[in-house]
Amino acid sequence: LTAIGLSSDAFSVAICKGLSIRRLNFIQAGIIALFFGG
């Protein structure tokens, strides 16, 4: 639960990233998630 709370900022920014990527693929999503998760 604490991790979910802390990750909400990253989740919000990831949503914005998804909004602005015209052609999304798993590699791009994985790199973004790796930065935030790391």
Full PDB file with SEQRES, HELIX, SHEET, SSBOND, CRYST1, ORIGX, SCALE, CONECT and MASTER records, all heavy atoms in Angstrom:
SEQRES   1 A   38  LEU THR ALA ILE GLY LEU SER SER ASP ALA PHE SER VAL          
SEQRES   2 A   38  ALA ILE CYS LYS GLY LEU SER ILE ARG ARG LEU ASN PHE          
SEQRES   3 A   38  ILE GLN ALA GLY ILE ILE ALA LEU PHE PHE GLY GLY              
HELIX    1 AA1 THR A    2  SER A   20  1                                  19    
HELIX    2 AA2 PHE A   26  GLY A   37  1                                  12    
CRYST1    1.000    1.000    1.000  90.00  90.00  90.00 P 1           1          
ORIGX1      1.000000  0.000000  0.000000        0.00000                         
ORIGX2      0.000000  1.000000  0.000000        0.00000                         
ORIGX3      0.000000  0.000000  1.000000        0.00000                         
SCALE1      1.000000  0.000000  0.000000        0.00000                         
SCALE2      0.000000  1.000000  0.000000        0.00000                         
SCALE3      0.000000  0.000000  1.000000        0.00000                         
ATOM      1  N   LEU A   1       0.823  -1.207   0.000  1.00  0.00           N  
ATOM      2  CA  LEU A   1       0.000   0.000   0.000  1.00  0.00           C  
ATOM      3  C   LEU A   1       0.860   1.260   0.000  1.00  0.00           C  
ATOM      4  O   LEU A   1       0.564   2.234  -0.699  1.00  0.00           O  
ATOM      5  CB  LEU A   1      -0.937  -0.004   1.205  1.00  0.00           C  
ATOM      6  CG  LEU A   1      -2.119  -0.978   1.154  1.00  0.00           C  
ATOM      7  CD1 LEU A   1      -2.871  -0.973   2.473  1.00  0.00           C  
ATOM      8  CD2 LEU A   1      -3.059  -0.613   0.011  1.00  0.00           C  
ATOM      9  N   THR A   2       1.913   1.245   0.796  1.00  0.00           N  
ATOM     10  CA  THR A   2       2.837   2.378   0.807  1.00  0.00           C  
ATOM     11  C   THR A   2       3.475   2.568  -0.562  1.00  0.00           C  
ATOM     12  O   THR A   2       3.594   3.696  -1.060  1.00  0.00           O  
ATOM     13  CB  THR A   2       3.934   2.165   1.865  1.00  0.00           C  
ATOM     14  OG1 THR A   2       3.336   2.022   3.151  1.00  0.00           O  
ATOM     15  CG2 THR A   2       4.901   3.347   1.888  1.00  0.00           C  
ATOM     16  N   ALA A   3       3.870   1.462  -1.185  1.00  0.00           N  
ATOM     17  CA  ALA A   3       4.482   1.529  -2.511  1.00  0.00           C  
ATOM     18  C   ALA A   3       3.509   2.093  -3.538  1.00  0.00           C  
ATOM     19  O   ALA A   3       3.887   2.883  -4.412  1.00  0.00           O  
ATOM     20  CB  ALA A   3       4.956   0.139  -2.934  1.00  0.00           C  
ATOM     21  N   ILE A   4       2.238   1.700  -3.447  1.00  0.00           N  
ATOM     22  CA  ILE A   4       1.227   2.227  -4.365  1.00  0.00           C  
ATOM     23  C   ILE A   4       1.082   3.733  -4.181  1.00  0.00           C  
ATOM     24  O   ILE A   4       1.014   4.496  -5.157  1.00  0.00           O  
ATOM     25  CB  ILE A   4      -0.124   1.520  -4.143  1.00  0.00           C  
ATOM     26  CG1 ILE A   4      -0.032   0.059  -4.599  1.00  0.00           C  
ATOM     27  CG2 ILE A   4      -1.243   2.232  -4.906  1.00  0.00           C  
ATOM     28  CD1 ILE A   4      -1.254  -0.769  -4.252  1.00  0.00           C  
ATOM     29  N   GLY A   5       1.046   4.165  -2.927  1.00  0.00           N  
ATOM     30  CA  GLY A   5       0.955   5.595  -2.664  1.00  0.00           C  
ATOM     31  C   GLY A   5       2.143   6.365  -3.211  1.00  0.00           C  
ATOM     32  O   GLY A   5       1.987   7.397  -3.866  1.00  0.00           O  
ATOM     33  N   LEU A   6       3.347   5.858  -2.975  1.00  0.00           N  
ATOM     34  CA  LEU A   6       4.551   6.524  -3.456  1.00  0.00           C  
ATOM     35  C   LEU A   6       4.628   6.539  -4.971  1.00  0.00           C  
ATOM     36  O   LEU A   6       5.207   7.454  -5.561  1.00  0.00           O  
ATOM     37  CB  LEU A   6       5.792   5.830  -2.885  1.00  0.00           C  
ATOM     38  CG  LEU A   6       6.038   5.978  -1.387  1.00  0.00           C  
ATOM     39  CD1 LEU A   6       7.198   5.098  -0.951  1.00  0.00           C  
ATOM     40  CD2 LEU A   6       6.318   7.433  -1.030  1.00  0.00           C  
ATOM     41  N   SER A   7       4.060   5.523  -5.613  1.00  0.00           N  
ATOM     42  CA  SER A   7       4.165   5.380  -7.065  1.00  0.00           C  
ATOM     43  C   SER A   7       3.115   6.178  -7.820  1.00  0.00           C  
ATOM     44  O   SER A   7       3.139   6.197  -9.060  1.00  0.00           O  
ATOM     45  CB  SER A   7       4.055   3.896  -7.451  1.00  0.00           C  
ATOM     46  OG  SER A   7       5.062   3.130  -6.816  1.00  0.00           O  
ATOM     47  N   SER A   8       2.193   6.820  -7.122  1.00  0.00           N  
ATOM     48  CA  SER A   8       1.104   7.507  -7.813  1.00  0.00           C  
ATOM     49  C   SER A   8       1.609   8.678  -8.650  1.00  0.00           C  
ATOM     50  O   SER A   8       1.069   8.959  -9.728  1.00  0.00           O  
ATOM     51  CB  SER A   8       0.048   7.980  -6.817  1.00  0.00           C  
ATOM     52  OG  SER A   8       0.579   8.940  -5.927  1.00  0.00           O  
ATOM     53  N   ASP A   9       2.659   9.368  -8.182  1.00  0.00           N  
ATOM     54  CA  ASP A   9       3.237  10.456  -8.977  1.00  0.00           C  
ATOM     55  C   ASP A   9       3.806   9.914 -10.285  1.00  0.00           C  
ATOM     56  O   ASP A   9       3.586  10.486 -11.360  1.00  0.00           O  
ATOM     57  CB  ASP A   9       4.340  11.166  -8.189  1.00  0.00           C  
ATOM     58  CG  ASP A   9       3.779  12.171  -7.188  1.00  0.00           C  
ATOM     59  OD1 ASP A   9       2.561  12.439  -7.252  1.00  0.00           O  
ATOM     60  OD2 ASP A   9       4.545  12.656  -6.346  1.00  0.00           O  
ATOM     61  N   ALA A  10       4.561   8.830 -10.171  1.00  0.00           N  
ATOM     62  CA  ALA A  10       5.137   8.210 -11.371  1.00  0.00           C  
ATOM     63  C   ALA A  10       4.035   7.724 -12.301  1.00  0.00           C  
ATOM     64  O   ALA A  10       4.145   7.832 -13.537  1.00  0.00           O  
ATOM     65  CB  ALA A  10       6.060   7.057 -10.975  1.00  0.00           C  
ATOM     66  N   PHE A  11       2.973   7.182 -11.734  1.00  0.00           N  
ATOM     67  CA  PHE A  11       1.841   6.704 -12.527  1.00  0.00           C  
ATOM     68  C   PHE A  11       1.215   7.870 -13.300  1.00  0.00           C  
ATOM     69  O   PHE A  11       0.908   7.737 -14.501  1.00  0.00           O  
ATOM     70  CB  PHE A  11       0.817   6.057 -11.602  1.00  0.00           C  
ATOM     71  CG  PHE A  11      -0.414   5.536 -12.293  1.00  0.00           C  
ATOM     72  CD1 PHE A  11      -0.345   4.407 -13.096  1.00  0.00           C  
ATOM     73  CD2 PHE A  11      -1.629   6.163 -12.129  1.00  0.00           C  
ATOM     74  CE1 PHE A  11      -1.474   3.914 -13.734  1.00  0.00           C  
ATOM     75  CE2 PHE A  11      -2.774   5.684 -12.751  1.00  0.00           C  
ATOM     76  CZ  PHE A  11      -2.692   4.556 -13.562  1.00  0.00           C  
ATOM     77  N   SER A  12       1.035   9.002 -12.644  1.00  0.00           N  
ATOM     78  CA  SER A  12       0.448  10.175 -13.292  1.00  0.00           C  
ATOM     79  C   SER A  12       1.326  10.673 -14.435  1.00  0.00           C  
ATOM     80  O   SER A  12       0.833  11.005 -15.518  1.00  0.00           O  
ATOM     81  CB  SER A  12       0.237  11.291 -12.267  1.00  0.00           C  
ATOM     82  OG  SER A  12      -0.665  10.890 -11.260  1.00  0.00           O  
ATOM     83  N   VAL A  13       2.632  10.744 -14.194  1.00  0.00           N  
ATOM     84  CA  VAL A  13       3.552  11.201 -15.233  1.00  0.00           C  
ATOM     85  C   VAL A  13       3.585  10.197 -16.384  1.00  0.00           C  
ATOM     86  O   VAL A  13       3.656  10.582 -17.560  1.00  0.00           O  
ATOM     87  CB  VAL A  13       4.960  11.419 -14.658  1.00  0.00           C  
ATOM     88  CG1 VAL A  13       5.955  11.743 -15.772  1.00  0.00           C  
ATOM     89  CG2 VAL A  13       4.945  12.543 -13.630  1.00  0.00           C  
ATOM     90  N   ALA A  14       3.521   8.905 -16.062  1.00  0.00           N  
ATOM     91  CA  ALA A  14       3.502   7.882 -17.106  1.00  0.00           C  
ATOM     92  C   ALA A  14       2.258   8.025 -17.988  1.00  0.00           C  
ATOM     93  O   ALA A  14       2.328   7.805 -19.207  1.00  0.00           O  
ATOM     94  CB  ALA A  14       3.550   6.492 -16.478  1.00  0.00           C  
ATOM     95  N   ILE A  15       1.136   8.390 -17.388  1.00  0.00           N  
ATOM     96  CA  ILE A  15      -0.072   8.636 -18.168  1.00  0.00           C  
ATOM     97  C   ILE A  15       0.161   9.776 -19.153  1.00  0.00           C  
ATOM     98  O   ILE A  15      -0.214   9.692 -20.338  1.00  0.00           O  
ATOM     99  CB  ILE A  15      -1.267   8.951 -17.243  1.00  0.00           C  
ATOM    100  CG1 ILE A  15      -1.722   7.684 -16.512  1.00  0.00           C  
ATOM    101  CG2 ILE A  15      -2.432   9.547 -18.030  1.00  0.00           C  
ATOM    102  CD1 ILE A  15      -2.846   7.911 -15.518  1.00  0.00           C  
ATOM    103  N   CYS A  16       0.786  10.850 -18.679  1.00  0.00           N  
ATOM    104  CA  CYS A  16       1.089  11.978 -19.561  1.00  0.00           C  
ATOM    105  C   CYS A  16       2.035  11.562 -20.686  1.00  0.00           C  
ATOM    106  O   CYS A  16       1.896  12.024 -21.830  1.00  0.00           O  
ATOM    107  CB  CYS A  16       1.701  13.125 -18.761  1.00  0.00           C  
ATOM    108  SG  CYS A  16       0.548  13.904 -17.611  1.00  0.00           S  
ATOM    109  N   LYS A  17       2.984  10.717 -20.351  1.00  0.00           N  
ATOM    110  CA  LYS A  17       3.886  10.202 -21.374  1.00  0.00           C  
ATOM    111  C   LYS A  17       3.104   9.430 -22.426  1.00  0.00           C  
ATOM    112  O   LYS A  17       3.311   9.570 -23.634  1.00  0.00           O  
ATOM    113  CB  LYS A  17       4.946   9.294 -20.742  1.00  0.00           C  
ATOM    114  CG  LYS A  17       6.057  10.020 -20.032  1.00  0.00           C  
ATOM    115  CD  LYS A  17       6.926  10.736 -21.024  1.00  0.00           C  
ATOM    116  CE  LYS A  17       8.129  11.359 -20.342  1.00  0.00           C  
ATOM    117  NZ  LYS A  17       8.935  12.137 -21.303  1.00  0.00           N  
ATOM    118  N   GLY A  18       2.208   8.576 -21.976  1.00  0.00           N  
ATOM    119  CA  GLY A  18       1.395   7.801 -22.903  1.00  0.00           C  
ATOM    120  C   GLY A  18       0.546   8.677 -23.799  1.00  0.00           C  
ATOM    121  O   GLY A  18       0.335   8.369 -24.984  1.00  0.00           O  
ATOM    122  N   LEU A  19       0.047   9.791 -23.252  1.00  0.00           N  
ATOM    123  CA  LEU A  19      -0.762  10.718 -24.037  1.00  0.00           C  
ATOM    124  C   LEU A  19       0.022  11.287 -25.218  1.00  0.00           C  
ATOM    125  O   LEU A  19      -0.540  11.553 -26.277  1.00  0.00           O  
ATOM    126  CB  LEU A  19      -1.231  11.877 -23.149  1.00  0.00           C  
ATOM    127  CG  LEU A  19      -2.422  11.625 -22.230  1.00  0.00           C  
ATOM    128  CD1 LEU A  19      -2.559  12.768 -21.233  1.00  0.00           C  
ATOM    129  CD2 LEU A  19      -3.695  11.490 -23.043  1.00  0.00           C  
ATOM    130  N   SER A  20       1.314  11.506 -25.016  1.00  0.00           N  
ATOM    131  CA  SER A  20       2.093  12.231 -26.012  1.00  0.00           C  
ATOM    132  C   SER A  20       2.886  11.330 -26.960  1.00  0.00           C  
ATOM    133  O   SER A  20       3.544  11.819 -27.873  1.00  0.00           O  
ATOM    134  CB  SER A  20       3.052  13.192 -25.308  1.00  0.00           C  
ATOM    135  OG  SER A  20       3.869  12.487 -24.400  1.00  0.00           O  
ATOM    136  N   ILE A  21       2.836  10.031 -26.750  1.00  0.00           N  
ATOM    137  CA  ILE A  21       3.531   9.100 -27.643  1.00  0.00           C  
ATOM    138  C   ILE A  21       2.564   8.640 -28.724  1.00  0.00           C  
ATOM    139  O   ILE A  21       1.534   8.039 -28.436  1.00  0.00           O  
ATOM    140  CB  ILE A  21       4.094   7.890 -26.869  1.00  0.00           C  
ATOM    141  CG1 ILE A  21       5.167   8.356 -25.894  1.00  0.00           C  
ATOM    142  CG2 ILE A  21       4.682   6.876 -27.836  1.00  0.00           C  
ATOM    143  CD1 ILE A  21       5.763   7.241 -25.059  1.00  0.00           C  
ATOM    144  N   ARG A  22       2.887   8.919 -29.957  1.00  0.00           N  
ATOM    145  CA  ARG A  22       1.961   8.634 -31.046  1.00  0.00           C  
ATOM    146  C   ARG A  22       1.943   7.159 -31.408  1.00  0.00           C  
ATOM    147  O   ARG A  22       0.885   6.596 -31.697  1.00  0.00           O  
ATOM    148  CB  ARG A  22       2.340   9.478 -32.267  1.00  0.00           C  
ATOM    149  CG  ARG A  22       2.163  10.977 -32.028  1.00  0.00           C  
ATOM    150  CD  ARG A  22       2.694  11.796 -33.170  1.00  0.00           C  
ATOM    151  NE  ARG A  22       2.573  13.238 -32.883  1.00  0.00           N  
ATOM    152  CZ  ARG A  22       3.060  14.188 -33.672  1.00  0.00           C  
ATOM    153  NH1 ARG A  22       3.703  13.859 -34.773  1.00  0.00           N  
ATOM    154  NH2 ARG A  22       2.910  15.449 -33.345  1.00  0.00           N  
ATOM    155  N   ARG A  23       3.084   6.534 -31.436  1.00  0.00           N  
ATOM    156  CA  ARG A  23       3.164   5.118 -31.772  1.00  0.00           C  
ATOM    157  C   ARG A  23       3.885   4.400 -30.637  1.00  0.00           C  
ATOM    158  O   ARG A  23       5.105   4.355 -30.581  1.00  0.00           O  
ATOM    159  CB  ARG A  23       3.910   4.905 -33.096  1.00  0.00           C  
ATOM    160  CG  ARG A  23       3.166   5.476 -34.296  1.00  0.00           C  
ATOM    161  CD  ARG A  23       3.882   5.152 -35.592  1.00  0.00           C  
ATOM    162  NE  ARG A  23       3.147   5.663 -36.746  1.00  0.00           N  
ATOM    163  CZ  ARG A  23       3.555   5.516 -38.007  1.00  0.00           C  
ATOM    164  NH1 ARG A  23       4.700   4.880 -38.266  1.00  0.00           N  
ATOM    165  NH2 ARG A  23       2.826   6.009 -38.998  1.00  0.00           N  
ATOM    166  N   LEU A  24       3.099   3.841 -29.770  1.00  0.00           N  
ATOM    167  CA  LEU A  24       3.638   3.248 -28.547  1.00  0.00           C  
ATOM    168  C   LEU A  24       3.960   1.779 -28.764  1.00  0.00           C  
ATOM    169  O   LEU A  24       3.232   1.060 -29.444  1.00  0.00           O  
ATOM    170  CB  LEU A  24       2.612   3.393 -27.412  1.00  0.00           C  
ATOM    171  CG  LEU A  24       3.019   2.857 -26.044  1.00  0.00           C  
ATOM    172  CD1 LEU A  24       4.212   3.625 -25.494  1.00  0.00           C  
ATOM    173  CD2 LEU A  24       1.843   2.957 -25.076  1.00  0.00           C  
ATOM    174  N   ASN A  25       5.077   1.330 -28.152  1.00  0.00           N  
ATOM    175  CA  ASN A  25       5.396  -0.094 -28.167  1.00  0.00           C  
ATOM    176  C   ASN A  25       5.881  -0.510 -26.780  1.00  0.00           C  
ATOM    177  O   ASN A  25       6.113   0.325 -25.902  1.00  0.00           O  
ATOM    178  CB  ASN A  25       6.446  -0.418 -29.243  1.00  0.00           C  
ATOM    179  CG  ASN A  25       7.741   0.355 -29.056  1.00  0.00           C  
ATOM    180  OD1 ASN A  25       8.343   0.352 -27.982  1.00  0.00           O  
ATOM    181  ND2 ASN A  25       8.184   1.049 -30.094  1.00  0.00           N  
ATOM    182  N   PHE A  26       6.033  -1.808 -26.579  1.00  0.00           N  
ATOM    183  CA  PHE A  26       6.386  -2.335 -25.258  1.00  0.00           C  
ATOM    184  C   PHE A  26       7.781  -1.905 -24.821  1.00  0.00           C  
ATOM    185  O   PHE A  26       8.032  -1.724 -23.627  1.00  0.00           O  
ATOM    186  CB  PHE A  26       6.284  -3.861 -25.266  1.00  0.00           C  
ATOM    187  CG  PHE A  26       4.875  -4.378 -25.223  1.00  0.00           C  
ATOM    188  CD1 PHE A  26       4.229  -4.775 -26.378  1.00  0.00           C  
ATOM    189  CD2 PHE A  26       4.182  -4.442 -24.023  1.00  0.00           C  
ATOM    190  CE1 PHE A  26       2.922  -5.237 -26.339  1.00  0.00           C  
ATOM    191  CE2 PHE A  26       2.878  -4.906 -23.965  1.00  0.00           C  
ATOM    192  CZ  PHE A  26       2.248  -5.298 -25.138  1.00  0.00           C  
ATOM    193  N   ILE A  27       8.699  -1.736 -25.780  1.00  0.00           N  
ATOM    194  CA  ILE A  27      10.060  -1.333 -25.417  1.00  0.00           C  
ATOM    195  C   ILE A  27      10.056   0.076 -24.830  1.00  0.00           C  
ATOM    196  O   ILE A  27      10.681   0.343 -23.798  1.00  0.00           O  
ATOM    197  CB  ILE A  27      10.991  -1.407 -26.647  1.00  0.00           C  
ATOM    198  CG1 ILE A  27      11.143  -2.864 -27.110  1.00  0.00           C  
ATOM    199  CG2 ILE A  27      12.351  -0.794 -26.324  1.00  0.00           C  
ATOM    200  CD1 ILE A  27      11.985  -3.030 -28.342  1.00  0.00           C  
ATOM    201  N   GLN A  28       9.325   0.996 -25.479  1.00  0.00           N  
ATOM    202  CA  GLN A  28       9.236   2.359 -24.960  1.00  0.00           C  
ATOM    203  C   GLN A  28       8.611   2.378 -23.570  1.00  0.00           C  
ATOM    204  O   GLN A  28       9.112   3.033 -22.655  1.00  0.00           O  
ATOM    205  CB  GLN A  28       8.415   3.226 -25.914  1.00  0.00           C  
ATOM    206  CG  GLN A  28       9.095   3.515 -27.239  1.00  0.00           C  
ATOM    207  CD  GLN A  28       8.166   4.239 -28.195  1.00  0.00           C  
ATOM    208  OE1 GLN A  28       6.976   3.952 -28.247  1.00  0.00           O  
ATOM    209  NE2 GLN A  28       8.700   5.170 -28.956  1.00  0.00           N  
ATOM    210  N   ALA A  29       7.502   1.663 -23.415  1.00  0.00           N  
ATOM    211  CA  ALA A  29       6.836   1.610 -22.110  1.00  0.00           C  
ATOM    212  C   ALA A  29       7.756   1.009 -21.054  1.00  0.00           C  
ATOM    213  O   ALA A  29       7.782   1.453 -19.906  1.00  0.00           O  
ATOM    214  CB  ALA A  29       5.539   0.808 -22.216  1.00  0.00           C  
ATOM    215  N   GLY A  30       8.512  -0.026 -21.443  1.00  0.00           N  
ATOM    216  CA  GLY A  30       9.430  -0.673 -20.511  1.00  0.00           C  
ATOM    217  C   GLY A  30      10.551   0.249 -20.061  1.00  0.00           C  
ATOM    218  O   GLY A  30      10.930   0.257 -18.887  1.00  0.00           O  
ATOM    219  N   ILE A  31      11.090   1.042 -20.984  1.00  0.00           N  
ATOM    220  CA  ILE A  31      12.163   1.975 -20.633  1.00  0.00           C  
ATOM    221  C   ILE A  31      11.650   3.045 -19.666  1.00  0.00           C  
ATOM    222  O   ILE A  31      12.303   3.366 -18.672  1.00  0.00           O  
ATOM    223  CB  ILE A  31      12.743   2.629 -21.902  1.00  0.00           C  
ATOM    224  CG1 ILE A  31      13.484   1.577 -22.738  1.00  0.00           C  
ATOM    225  CG2 ILE A  31      13.683   3.783 -21.540  1.00  0.00           C  
ATOM    226  CD1 ILE A  31      13.958   2.093 -24.086  1.00  0.00           C  
ATOM    227  N   ILE A  32      10.466   3.592 -19.958  1.00  0.00           N  
ATOM    228  CA  ILE A  32       9.877   4.599 -19.076  1.00  0.00           C  
ATOM    229  C   ILE A  32       9.653   4.009 -17.684  1.00  0.00           C  
ATOM    230  O   ILE A  32      10.000   4.608 -16.667  1.00  0.00           O  
ATOM    231  CB  ILE A  32       8.553   5.117 -19.668  1.00  0.00           C  
ATOM    232  CG1 ILE A  32       8.832   5.904 -20.949  1.00  0.00           C  
ATOM    233  CG2 ILE A  32       7.814   5.993 -18.660  1.00  0.00           C  
ATOM    234  CD1 ILE A  32       7.578   6.259 -21.735  1.00  0.00           C  
ATOM    235  N   ALA A  33       9.068   2.811 -17.632  1.00  0.00           N  
ATOM    236  CA  ALA A  33       8.788   2.161 -16.354  1.00  0.00           C  
ATOM    237  C   ALA A  33      10.069   1.833 -15.605  1.00  0.00           C  
ATOM    238  O   ALA A  33      10.114   1.907 -14.370  1.00  0.00           O  
ATOM    239  CB  ALA A  33       7.971   0.880 -16.588  1.00  0.00           C  
ATOM    240  N   LEU A  34      11.129   1.480 -16.340  1.00  0.00           N  
ATOM    241  CA  LEU A  34      12.406   1.156 -15.695  1.00  0.00           C  
ATOM    242  C   LEU A  34      13.016   2.384 -15.030  1.00  0.00           C  
ATOM    243  O   LEU A  34      13.556   2.292 -13.917  1.00  0.00           O  
ATOM    244  CB  LEU A  34      13.377   0.583 -16.734  1.00  0.00           C  
ATOM    245  CG  LEU A  34      14.704   0.041 -16.197  1.00  0.00           C  
ATOM    246  CD1 LEU A  34      14.455  -1.110 -15.234  1.00  0.00           C  
ATOM    247  CD2 LEU A  34      15.605  -0.407 -17.340  1.00  0.00           C  
ATOM    248  N   PHE A  35      12.921   3.541 -15.682  1.00  0.00           N  
ATOM    249  CA  PHE A  35      13.420   4.776 -15.080  1.00  0.00           C  
ATOM    250  C   PHE A  35      12.665   5.072 -13.788  1.00  0.00           C  
ATOM    251  O   PHE A  35      13.275   5.302 -12.734  1.00  0.00           O  
ATOM    252  CB  PHE A  35      13.270   5.943 -16.056  1.00  0.00           C  
ATOM    253  CG  PHE A  35      14.492   6.199 -16.888  1.00  0.00           C  
ATOM    254  CD1 PHE A  35      14.708   5.497 -18.062  1.00  0.00           C  
ATOM    255  CD2 PHE A  35      15.421   7.143 -16.498  1.00  0.00           C  
ATOM    256  CE1 PHE A  35      15.830   5.733 -18.836  1.00  0.00           C  
ATOM    257  CE2 PHE A  35      16.558   7.383 -17.263  1.00  0.00           C  
ATOM    258  CZ  PHE A  35      16.765   6.679 -18.441  1.00  0.00           C  
ATOM    259  N   PHE A  36      11.338   5.069 -13.878  1.00  0.00           N  
ATOM    260  CA  PHE A  36      10.537   5.422 -12.715  1.00  0.00           C  
ATOM    261  C   PHE A  36      10.674   4.374 -11.601  1.00  0.00           C  
ATOM    262  O   PHE A  36      10.847   4.719 -10.429  1.00  0.00           O  
ATOM    263  CB  PHE A  36       9.071   5.579 -13.105  1.00  0.00           C  
ATOM    264  CG  PHE A  36       8.796   6.807 -13.936  1.00  0.00           C  
ATOM    265  CD1 PHE A  36       7.916   6.764 -14.995  1.00  0.00           C  
ATOM    266  CD2 PHE A  36       9.426   8.007 -13.652  1.00  0.00           C  
ATOM    267  CE1 PHE A  36       7.660   7.903 -15.759  1.00  0.00           C  
ATOM    268  CE2 PHE A  36       9.184   9.149 -14.413  1.00  0.00           C  
ATOM    269  CZ  PHE A  36       8.298   9.088 -15.466  1.00  0.00           C  
ATOM    270  N   GLY A  37      10.580   3.107 -11.961  1.00  0.00           N  
ATOM    271  CA  GLY A  37      10.709   2.051 -10.959  1.00  0.00           C  
ATOM    272  C   GLY A  37      12.084   2.012 -10.330  1.00  0.00           C  
ATOM    273  O   GLY A  37      12.220   1.808  -9.116  1.00  0.00           O  
ATOM    274  N   GLY A  38      13.110   2.231 -11.148  1.00  0.00           N  
ATOM    275  CA  GLY A  38      14.474   2.208 -10.630  1.00  0.00           C  
ATOM    276  C   GLY A  38      14.729   3.290  -9.605  1.00  0.00           C  
ATOM    277  O   GLY A  38      15.316   3.046  -8.540  1.00  0.00           O  
TER     278      GLY A  38                                                      
MASTER        0    0    0    2    0    0    0    6  277    1    0    3          
END                                                                             
